[in-house]
Amino acid sequence: MSDIGTEESKNKTPHKMARLAWPKSKYGVILAIIIIITVSLINYKDTIFSLFK
C-alpha cells in the first residue's frame, strides 16, 4: 500500500510549477539557435568581415 502512495507522489508536478505555462520545446531550441548565432556573429565579426575584403 505504501508503494502506491510513494509512486503517485513521485510522478506529480510540484505545486508551484503546475501553475506555470511551459513553452513548447521546439521554441526553446529555435531560441537557443538564434542566441548562439547572434553571440557568434558578435564575437567573430572582424573575422567575418575580413573574409569579404
PDB file of N, CA and C in Angstrom:
ATOM      1  N   MET A   1       0.830  -1.198   0.000  1.00  0.00           N
ATOM      2  CA  MET A   1       0.000   0.000   0.000  1.00  0.00           C
ATOM      3  C   MET A   1       0.867   1.252   0.000  1.00  0.00           C
ATOM      4  N   SER A   2       1.976   1.206   0.736  1.00  0.00           N
ATOM      5  CA  SER A   2       2.841   2.386   0.786  1.00  0.00           C
ATOM      6  C   SER A   2       3.573   2.602  -0.536  1.00  0.00           C
ATOM      7  N   ASP A   3       3.769   1.541  -1.317  1.00  0.00           N
ATOM      8  CA  ASP A   3       4.423   1.674  -2.621  1.00  0.00           C
ATOM      9  C   ASP A   3       3.575   2.503  -3.575  1.00  0.00           C
ATOM     10  N   ILE A   4       2.295   2.343  -3.530  1.00  0.00           N
ATOM     11  CA  ILE A   4       1.400   3.095  -4.421  1.00  0.00           C
ATOM     12  C   ILE A   4       1.416   4.573  -4.052  1.00  0.00           C
ATOM     13  N   GLY A   5       1.416   4.888  -2.783  1.00  0.00           N
ATOM     14  CA  GLY A   5       1.427   6.279  -2.336  1.00  0.00           C
ATOM     15  C   GLY A   5       2.706   7.007  -2.732  1.00  0.00           C
ATOM     16  N   THR A   6       3.828   6.343  -2.606  1.00  0.00           N
ATOM     17  CA  THR A   6       5.095   6.990  -2.967  1.00  0.00           C
ATOM     18  C   THR A   6       5.234   7.111  -4.477  1.00  0.00           C
ATOM     19  N   GLU A   7       4.682   6.150  -5.216  1.00  0.00           N
ATOM     20  CA  GLU A   7       4.763   6.208  -6.677  1.00  0.00           C
ATOM     21  C   GLU A   7       3.923   7.356  -7.229  1.00  0.00           C
ATOM     22  N   GLU A   8       2.761   7.592  -6.662  1.00  0.00           N
ATOM     23  CA  GLU A   8       1.902   8.689  -7.107  1.00  0.00           C
ATOM     24  C   GLU A   8       2.522  10.037  -6.788  1.00  0.00           C
ATOM     25  N   SER A   9       3.112  10.185  -5.620  1.00  0.00           N
ATOM     26  CA  SER A   9       3.702  11.470  -5.252  1.00  0.00           C
ATOM     27  C   SER A   9       4.976  11.747  -6.045  1.00  0.00           C
ATOM     28  N   LYS A  10       5.654  10.708  -6.499  1.00  0.00           N
ATOM     29  CA  LYS A  10       6.876  10.887  -7.276  1.00  0.00           C
ATOM     30  C   LYS A  10       6.565  11.436  -8.671  1.00  0.00           C
ATOM     31  N   ASN A  11       5.450  11.053  -9.268  1.00  0.00           N
ATOM     32  CA  ASN A  11       5.112  11.437 -10.626  1.00  0.00           C
ATOM     33  C   ASN A  11       4.357  12.754 -10.720  1.00  0.00           C
ATOM     34  N   LYS A  12       3.948  13.339  -9.629  1.00  0.00           N
ATOM     35  CA  LYS A  12       3.188  14.584  -9.672  1.00  0.00           C
ATOM     36  C   LYS A  12       4.107  15.780  -9.893  1.00  0.00           C
ATOM     37  N   THR A  13       3.575  16.791 -10.587  1.00  0.00           N
ATOM     38  CA  THR A  13       4.301  18.045 -10.773  1.00  0.00           C
ATOM     39  C   THR A  13       4.232  18.830  -9.480  1.00  0.00           C
ATOM     40  N   PRO A  14       5.343  19.447  -9.048  1.00  0.00           N
ATOM     41  CA  PRO A  14       5.312  20.263  -7.832  1.00  0.00           C
ATOM     42  C   PRO A  14       4.261  21.363  -7.928  1.00  0.00           C
ATOM     43  N   HIS A  15       3.699  21.728  -6.781  1.00  0.00           N
ATOM     44  CA  HIS A  15       2.565  22.655  -6.734  1.00  0.00           C
ATOM     45  C   HIS A  15       2.882  23.996  -7.383  1.00  0.00           C
ATOM     46  N   LYS A  16       4.043  24.554  -7.101  1.00  0.00           N
ATOM     47  CA  LYS A  16       4.389  25.871  -7.661  1.00  0.00           C
ATOM     48  C   LYS A  16       4.675  25.797  -9.148  1.00  0.00           C
ATOM     49  N   MET A  17       5.158  24.664  -9.622  1.00  0.00           N
ATOM     50  CA  MET A  17       5.466  24.522 -11.042  1.00  0.00           C
ATOM     51  C   MET A  17       4.224  24.225 -11.868  1.00  0.00           C
ATOM     52  N   ALA A  18       3.181  23.716 -11.261  1.00  0.00           N
ATOM     53  CA  ALA A  18       1.982  23.323 -12.002  1.00  0.00           C
ATOM     54  C   ALA A  18       1.258  24.534 -12.570  1.00  0.00           C
ATOM     55  N   ARG A  19       1.419  25.700 -11.973  1.00  0.00           N
ATOM     56  CA  ARG A  19       0.720  26.898 -12.439  1.00  0.00           C
ATOM     57  C   ARG A  19       1.442  27.611 -13.568  1.00  0.00           C
ATOM     58  N   LEU A  20       2.690  27.232 -13.859  1.00  0.00           N
ATOM     59  CA  LEU A  20       3.455  27.889 -14.909  1.00  0.00           C
ATOM     60  C   LEU A  20       3.065  27.341 -16.272  1.00  0.00           C
ATOM     61  N   ALA A  21       3.035  28.207 -17.266  1.00  0.00           N
ATOM     62  CA  ALA A  21       2.791  27.780 -18.633  1.00  0.00           C
ATOM     63  C   ALA A  21       4.142  27.513 -19.287  1.00  0.00           C
ATOM     64  N   TRP A  22       4.480  26.263 -19.477  1.00  0.00           N
ATOM     65  CA  TRP A  22       5.773  25.911 -20.057  1.00  0.00           C
ATOM     66  C   TRP A  22       5.688  26.004 -21.567  1.00  0.00           C
ATOM     67  N   PRO A  23       6.657  26.656 -22.216  1.00  0.00           N
ATOM     68  CA  PRO A  23       6.642  26.747 -23.676  1.00  0.00           C
ATOM     69  C   PRO A  23       6.987  25.400 -24.313  1.00  0.00           C
ATOM     70  N   LYS A  24       6.620  25.262 -25.556  1.00  0.00           N
ATOM     71  CA  LYS A  24       6.950  24.030 -26.277  1.00  0.00           C
ATOM     72  C   LYS A  24       8.460  23.948 -26.457  1.00  0.00           C
ATOM     73  N   SER A  25       8.979  22.756 -26.516  1.00  0.00           N
ATOM     74  CA  SER A  25      10.433  22.580 -26.593  1.00  0.00           C
ATOM     75  C   SER A  25      10.999  23.071 -27.918  1.00  0.00           C
ATOM     76  N   LYS A  26      10.200  23.021 -28.996  1.00  0.00           N
ATOM     77  CA  LYS A  26      10.742  23.465 -30.279  1.00  0.00           C
ATOM     78  C   LYS A  26      11.036  24.959 -30.264  1.00  0.00           C
ATOM     79  N   TYR A  27      10.256  25.740 -29.519  1.00  0.00           N
ATOM     80  CA  TYR A  27      10.530  27.169 -29.417  1.00  0.00           C
ATOM     81  C   TYR A  27      11.816  27.425 -28.641  1.00  0.00           C
ATOM     82  N   GLY A  28      12.086  26.621 -27.657  1.00  0.00           N
ATOM     83  CA  GLY A  28      13.322  26.741 -26.894  1.00  0.00           C
ATOM     84  C   GLY A  28      14.538  26.409 -27.740  1.00  0.00           C
ATOM     85  N   VAL A  29      14.408  25.408 -28.603  1.00  0.00           N
ATOM     86  CA  VAL A  29      15.510  25.028 -29.492  1.00  0.00           C
ATOM     87  C   VAL A  29      15.770  26.145 -30.497  1.00  0.00           C
ATOM     88  N   ILE A  30      14.713  26.702 -31.074  1.00  0.00           N
ATOM     89  CA  ILE A  30      14.857  27.803 -32.029  1.00  0.00           C
ATOM     90  C   ILE A  30      15.484  29.009 -31.350  1.00  0.00           C
ATOM     91  N   LEU A  31      15.039  29.325 -30.151  1.00  0.00           N
ATOM     92  CA  LEU A  31      15.598  30.459 -29.414  1.00  0.00           C
ATOM     93  C   LEU A  31      17.077  30.226 -29.096  1.00  0.00           C
ATOM     94  N   ALA A  32      17.430  29.023 -28.708  1.00  0.00           N
ATOM     95  CA  ALA A  32      18.833  28.715 -28.402  1.00  0.00           C
ATOM     96  C   ALA A  32      19.705  28.860 -29.645  1.00  0.00           C
ATOM     97  N   ILE A  33      19.220  28.410 -30.787  1.00  0.00           N
ATOM     98  CA  ILE A  33      19.986  28.536 -32.032  1.00  0.00           C
ATOM     99  C   ILE A  33      20.173  30.000 -32.397  1.00  0.00           C
ATOM    100  N   ILE A  34      19.114  30.805 -32.261  1.00  0.00           N
ATOM    101  CA  ILE A  34      19.209  32.232 -32.567  1.00  0.00           C
ATOM    102  C   ILE A  34      20.214  32.914 -31.641  1.00  0.00           C
ATOM    103  N   ILE A  35      20.182  32.580 -30.364  1.00  0.00           N
ATOM    104  CA  ILE A  35      21.122  33.181 -29.407  1.00  0.00           C
ATOM    105  C   ILE A  35      22.554  32.783 -29.736  1.00  0.00           C
ATOM    106  N   ILE A  36      22.785  31.519 -30.069  1.00  0.00           N
ATOM    107  CA  ILE A  36      24.135  31.053 -30.397  1.00  0.00           C
ATOM    108  C   ILE A  36      24.656  31.760 -31.644  1.00  0.00           C
ATOM    109  N   ILE A  37      23.824  31.887 -32.673  1.00  0.00           N
ATOM    110  CA  ILE A  37      24.248  32.561 -33.900  1.00  0.00           C
ATOM    111  C   ILE A  37      24.543  34.029 -33.633  1.00  0.00           C
ATOM    112  N   THR A  38      23.699  34.688 -32.863  1.00  0.00           N
ATOM    113  CA  THR A  38      23.906  36.109 -32.561  1.00  0.00           C
ATOM    114  C   THR A  38      25.203  36.330 -31.795  1.00  0.00           C
ATOM    115  N   VAL A  39      25.445  35.530 -30.782  1.00  0.00           N
ATOM    116  CA  VAL A  39      26.671  35.674 -29.986  1.00  0.00           C
ATOM    117  C   VAL A  39      27.898  35.372 -30.847  1.00  0.00           C
ATOM    118  N   SER A  40      27.801  34.374 -31.699  1.00  0.00           N
ATOM    119  CA  SER A  40      28.929  34.042 -32.571  1.00  0.00           C
ATOM    120  C   SER A  40      29.211  35.174 -33.549  1.00  0.00           C
ATOM    121  N   LEU A  41      28.173  35.781 -34.110  1.00  0.00           N
ATOM    122  CA  LEU A  41      28.378  36.903 -35.024  1.00  0.00           C
ATOM    123  C   LEU A  41      29.017  38.090 -34.318  1.00  0.00           C
ATOM    124  N   ILE A  42      28.617  38.346 -33.101  1.00  0.00           N
ATOM    125  CA  ILE A  42      29.203  39.459 -32.344  1.00  0.00           C
ATOM    126  C   ILE A  42      30.671  39.180 -32.037  1.00  0.00           C
ATOM    127  N   ASN A  43      30.988  37.946 -31.634  1.00  0.00           N
ATOM    128  CA  ASN A  43      32.361  37.610 -31.262  1.00  0.00           C
ATOM    129  C   ASN A  43      33.303  37.558 -32.462  1.00  0.00           C
ATOM    130  N   TYR A  44      32.817  37.082 -33.597  1.00  0.00           N
ATOM    131  CA  TYR A  44      33.683  36.863 -34.752  1.00  0.00           C
ATOM    132  C   TYR A  44      33.406  37.815 -35.900  1.00  0.00           C
ATOM    133  N   LYS A  45      32.853  39.002 -35.622  1.00  0.00           N
ATOM    134  CA  LYS A  45      32.500  39.931 -36.695  1.00  0.00           C
ATOM    135  C   LYS A  45      33.724  40.408 -37.461  1.00  0.00           C
ATOM    136  N   ASP A  46      34.858  40.615 -36.802  1.00  0.00           N
ATOM    137  CA  ASP A  46      36.077  41.030 -37.501  1.00  0.00           C
ATOM    138  C   ASP A  46      36.558  39.960 -38.477  1.00  0.00           C
ATOM    139  N   THR A  47      36.515  38.716 -38.054  1.00  0.00           N
ATOM    140  CA  THR A  47      36.929  37.617 -38.922  1.00  0.00           C
ATOM    141  C   THR A  47      36.001  37.487 -40.113  1.00  0.00           C
ATOM    142  N   ILE A  48      34.707  37.615 -39.880  1.00  0.00           N
ATOM    143  CA  ILE A  48      33.726  37.503 -40.958  1.00  0.00           C
ATOM    144  C   ILE A  48      33.890  38.638 -41.956  1.00  0.00           C
ATOM    145  N   PHE A  49      34.082  39.855 -41.473  1.00  0.00           N
ATOM    146  CA  PHE A  49      34.242  40.994 -42.370  1.00  0.00           C
ATOM    147  C   PHE A  49      35.559  40.936 -43.138  1.00  0.00           C
ATOM    148  N   SER A  50      36.587  40.336 -42.560  1.00  0.00           N
ATOM    149  CA  SER A  50      37.865  40.229 -43.263  1.00  0.00           C
ATOM    150  C   SER A  50      37.791  39.235 -44.415  1.00  0.00           C
ATOM    151  N   LEU A  51      36.856  38.308 -44.373  1.00  0.00           N
ATOM    152  CA  LEU A  51      36.702  37.358 -45.468  1.00  0.00           C
ATOM    153  C   LEU A  51      36.159  38.031 -46.729  1.00  0.00           C
ATOM    154  N   PHE A  52      35.389  39.086 -46.560  1.00  0.00           N
ATOM    155  CA  PHE A  52      34.761  39.763 -47.691  1.00  0.00           C
ATOM    156  C   PHE A  52      35.626  40.862 -48.302  1.00  0.00           C
ATOM    157  N   LYS A  53      36.789  41.115 -47.708  1.00  0.00           N
ATOM    158  CA  LYS A  53      37.658  42.167 -48.246  1.00  0.00           C
ATOM    159  C   LYS A  53      38.587  41.656 -49.302  1.00  0.00           C
TER     160      LYS A  53
END
